[in-house]
Amino acid sequence: MTIRVKSRGNETLEQLLRRFKKICEKEGLTKDIKRHSFYEKPSELRRRKLRQAQKKEMKARLKNVKKLQVARRRL
């Protein structure tokens, strides 16, 4: 995956770097590099993915509960 950023007219180097960093963040490149910078045992990988799934499920439940509370207030 190559990310190319072309300068826009009078854009300074700082602005160009800021735009490049934003693109890298959106693509998840920095997180991926940090995650692969060290070895992760398969058991740790499974544990991390399980925690992520649990966190995602909990967020969905909380969102659903909040929707129900809002609906009850309207009645």
N, C-alpha and C. Protein backbone atom coordinates (compact mmCIF):
# COMPACT_ATOMS: atom_id res chain seq x y z
N MET A 1 0.85 -1.16 0.00
CA MET A 1 0.00 0.00 0.00
C MET A 1 0.90 1.23 0.00
N THR A 2 0.77 2.00 -1.02
CA THR A 2 1.54 3.23 -1.08
C THR A 2 0.59 4.41 -0.94
N ILE A 3 1.00 5.34 -0.13
CA ILE A 3 0.22 6.55 0.08
C ILE A 3 0.99 7.70 -0.52
N ARG A 4 0.36 8.38 -1.43
CA ARG A 4 0.99 9.52 -2.08
C ARG A 4 0.21 10.78 -1.75
N VAL A 5 0.96 11.82 -1.43
CA VAL A 5 0.35 13.11 -1.12
C VAL A 5 1.05 14.15 -1.98
N LYS A 6 0.27 14.80 -2.82
CA LYS A 6 0.84 15.84 -3.68
C LYS A 6 0.55 17.21 -3.08
N SER A 7 1.51 18.09 -3.24
CA SER A 7 1.38 19.44 -2.70
C SER A 7 0.29 20.21 -3.46
N ARG A 8 -0.49 20.97 -2.71
CA ARG A 8 -1.56 21.78 -3.31
C ARG A 8 -1.10 23.24 -3.35
N GLY A 9 -0.70 23.70 -4.48
CA GLY A 9 -0.35 25.11 -4.65
C GLY A 9 0.67 25.64 -3.65
N ASN A 10 0.22 26.53 -2.77
CA ASN A 10 1.11 27.19 -1.81
C ASN A 10 1.21 26.44 -0.48
N GLU A 11 0.91 25.18 -0.46
CA GLU A 11 0.90 24.39 0.77
C GLU A 11 2.31 24.26 1.34
N THR A 12 2.43 24.48 2.64
CA THR A 12 3.74 24.36 3.29
C THR A 12 4.04 22.90 3.58
N LEU A 13 5.28 22.63 3.94
CA LEU A 13 5.70 21.27 4.25
C LEU A 13 4.96 20.74 5.48
N GLU A 14 4.73 21.61 6.47
CA GLU A 14 4.01 21.20 7.68
C GLU A 14 2.58 20.78 7.35
N GLN A 15 1.92 21.54 6.47
CA GLN A 15 0.55 21.20 6.08
C GLN A 15 0.53 19.88 5.31
N LEU A 16 1.52 19.68 4.47
CA LEU A 16 1.62 18.45 3.69
C LEU A 16 1.81 17.25 4.61
N LEU A 17 2.69 17.38 5.60
CA LEU A 17 2.91 16.29 6.55
C LEU A 17 1.67 16.02 7.39
N ARG A 18 0.96 17.08 7.78
CA ARG A 18 -0.26 16.92 8.57
C ARG A 18 -1.31 16.14 7.77
N ARG A 19 -1.43 16.47 6.49
CA ARG A 19 -2.38 15.77 5.62
C ARG A 19 -1.98 14.30 5.46
N PHE A 20 -0.67 14.05 5.31
CA PHE A 20 -0.16 12.69 5.18
C PHE A 20 -0.48 11.88 6.44
N LYS A 21 -0.27 12.48 7.61
CA LYS A 21 -0.55 11.79 8.87
C LYS A 21 -2.03 11.45 9.00
N LYS A 22 -2.90 12.38 8.58
CA LYS A 22 -4.34 12.13 8.65
C LYS A 22 -4.72 10.95 7.77
N ILE A 23 -4.15 10.89 6.57
CA ILE A 23 -4.45 9.79 5.65
C ILE A 23 -3.98 8.47 6.25
N CYS A 24 -2.78 8.48 6.84
CA CYS A 24 -2.25 7.26 7.47
C CYS A 24 -3.15 6.81 8.61
N GLU A 25 -3.66 7.75 9.41
CA GLU A 25 -4.55 7.41 10.51
C GLU A 25 -5.85 6.80 9.98
N LYS A 26 -6.42 7.40 8.94
CA LYS A 26 -7.66 6.88 8.37
C LYS A 26 -7.49 5.47 7.83
N GLU A 27 -6.35 5.19 7.23
CA GLU A 27 -6.08 3.86 6.68
C GLU A 27 -5.73 2.85 7.76
N GLY A 28 -5.46 3.32 8.98
CA GLY A 28 -5.10 2.42 10.06
C GLY A 28 -3.66 1.95 9.98
N LEU A 29 -2.86 2.66 9.23
CA LEU A 29 -1.48 2.26 9.01
C LEU A 29 -0.64 2.34 10.28
N THR A 30 -0.82 3.40 11.06
CA THR A 30 -0.01 3.55 12.27
C THR A 30 -0.35 2.48 13.30
N LYS A 31 -1.63 2.16 13.45
CA LYS A 31 -2.01 1.10 14.39
C LYS A 31 -1.45 -0.24 13.94
N ASP A 32 -1.49 -0.48 12.65
CA ASP A 32 -0.99 -1.74 12.10
C ASP A 32 0.52 -1.87 12.33
N ILE A 33 1.24 -0.80 12.12
CA ILE A 33 2.69 -0.82 12.33
C ILE A 33 3.02 -1.05 13.79
N LYS A 34 2.31 -0.38 14.69
CA LYS A 34 2.55 -0.56 16.12
C LYS A 34 2.24 -1.99 16.54
N ARG A 35 1.15 -2.56 16.01
CA ARG A 35 0.75 -3.91 16.37
C ARG A 35 1.77 -4.94 15.88
N HIS A 36 2.36 -4.70 14.72
CA HIS A 36 3.30 -5.66 14.15
C HIS A 36 4.75 -5.36 14.51
N SER A 37 4.98 -4.38 15.37
CA SER A 37 6.36 -4.04 15.72
C SER A 37 6.96 -5.04 16.70
N PHE A 38 6.11 -5.88 17.32
CA PHE A 38 6.62 -6.91 18.21
C PHE A 38 5.79 -8.18 18.02
N TYR A 39 6.36 -9.31 18.43
CA TYR A 39 5.69 -10.59 18.26
C TYR A 39 4.56 -10.72 19.27
N GLU A 40 3.43 -11.19 18.79
CA GLU A 40 2.29 -11.43 19.65
C GLU A 40 1.95 -12.91 19.59
N LYS A 41 1.98 -13.55 20.75
CA LYS A 41 1.70 -14.98 20.79
C LYS A 41 0.27 -15.23 20.32
N PRO A 42 0.04 -16.39 19.71
CA PRO A 42 -1.31 -16.71 19.23
C PRO A 42 -2.36 -16.63 20.34
N SER A 43 -2.00 -17.06 21.54
CA SER A 43 -2.96 -16.99 22.65
C SER A 43 -3.29 -15.54 23.00
N GLU A 44 -2.29 -14.67 22.95
CA GLU A 44 -2.52 -13.24 23.22
C GLU A 44 -3.38 -12.62 22.12
N LEU A 45 -3.16 -13.06 20.89
CA LEU A 45 -3.94 -12.56 19.76
C LEU A 45 -5.41 -12.94 19.93
N ARG A 46 -5.66 -14.21 20.28
CA ARG A 46 -7.04 -14.66 20.51
C ARG A 46 -7.68 -13.89 21.66
N ARG A 47 -6.91 -13.69 22.74
CA ARG A 47 -7.43 -12.97 23.90
C ARG A 47 -7.78 -11.53 23.54
N ARG A 48 -6.92 -10.88 22.76
CA ARG A 48 -7.16 -9.49 22.34
C ARG A 48 -8.41 -9.40 21.47
N LYS A 49 -8.53 -10.33 20.53
CA LYS A 49 -9.70 -10.31 19.64
C LYS A 49 -10.98 -10.59 20.42
N LEU A 50 -10.91 -11.49 21.41
CA LEU A 50 -12.07 -11.78 22.24
C LEU A 50 -12.49 -10.54 23.03
N ARG A 51 -11.50 -9.83 23.60
CA ARG A 51 -11.80 -8.61 24.34
C ARG A 51 -12.42 -7.55 23.43
N GLN A 52 -11.90 -7.44 22.21
CA GLN A 52 -12.46 -6.47 21.26
C GLN A 52 -13.91 -6.82 20.93
N ALA A 53 -14.19 -8.10 20.74
CA ALA A 53 -15.56 -8.53 20.43
C ALA A 53 -16.49 -8.25 21.60
N GLN A 54 -16.01 -8.51 22.82
CA GLN A 54 -16.83 -8.24 24.00
C GLN A 54 -17.11 -6.75 24.15
N LYS A 55 -16.10 -5.94 23.89
CA LYS A 55 -16.26 -4.49 23.98
C LYS A 55 -17.27 -3.99 22.94
N LYS A 56 -17.18 -4.53 21.73
CA LYS A 56 -18.10 -4.15 20.66
C LYS A 56 -19.53 -4.53 21.02
N GLU A 57 -19.70 -5.73 21.58
CA GLU A 57 -21.03 -6.19 21.98
C GLU A 57 -21.59 -5.32 23.10
N MET A 58 -20.75 -4.96 24.05
CA MET A 58 -21.19 -4.12 25.17
C MET A 58 -21.63 -2.74 24.67
N LYS A 59 -20.90 -2.18 23.73
CA LYS A 59 -21.28 -0.88 23.16
C LYS A 59 -22.63 -0.98 22.47
N ALA A 60 -22.85 -2.07 21.73
CA ALA A 60 -24.12 -2.25 21.03
C ALA A 60 -25.26 -2.37 22.03
N ARG A 61 -25.03 -3.10 23.12
CA ARG A 61 -26.07 -3.25 24.15
C ARG A 61 -26.40 -1.90 24.79
N LEU A 62 -25.37 -1.14 25.12
CA LEU A 62 -25.59 0.17 25.73
C LEU A 62 -26.36 1.10 24.80
N LYS A 63 -26.03 1.04 23.53
CA LYS A 63 -26.72 1.86 22.54
C LYS A 63 -28.19 1.47 22.47
N ASN A 64 -28.45 0.17 22.51
CA ASN A 64 -29.82 -0.34 22.46
C ASN A 64 -30.59 0.09 23.71
N VAL A 65 -29.96 0.02 24.87
CA VAL A 65 -30.60 0.42 26.12
C VAL A 65 -30.94 1.91 26.08
N LYS A 66 -30.02 2.72 25.58
CA LYS A 66 -30.28 4.16 25.49
C LYS A 66 -31.45 4.46 24.57
N LYS A 67 -31.55 3.71 23.46
CA LYS A 67 -32.67 3.90 22.54
C LYS A 67 -33.98 3.57 23.22
N LEU A 68 -33.98 2.48 24.01
CA LEU A 68 -35.20 2.10 24.73
C LEU A 68 -35.59 3.15 25.76
N GLN A 69 -34.61 3.72 26.45
CA GLN A 69 -34.90 4.75 27.44
C GLN A 69 -35.50 5.99 26.79
N VAL A 70 -34.97 6.36 25.65
CA VAL A 70 -35.49 7.52 24.93
C VAL A 70 -36.91 7.24 24.47
N ALA A 71 -37.16 6.03 24.00
CA ALA A 71 -38.50 5.67 23.53
C ALA A 71 -39.49 5.69 24.69
N ARG A 72 -39.08 5.25 25.87
CA ARG A 72 -39.97 5.25 27.04
C ARG A 72 -40.31 6.67 27.48
N ARG A 73 -39.34 7.57 27.37
CA ARG A 73 -39.58 8.96 27.76
C ARG A 73 -40.62 9.61 26.87
N ARG A 74 -40.64 9.20 25.63
CA ARG A 74 -41.58 9.78 24.67
C ARG A 74 -43.01 9.36 24.94
N LEU A 75 -43.18 8.22 25.59
CA LEU A 75 -44.54 7.72 25.85
C LEU A 75 -45.17 8.44 26.97
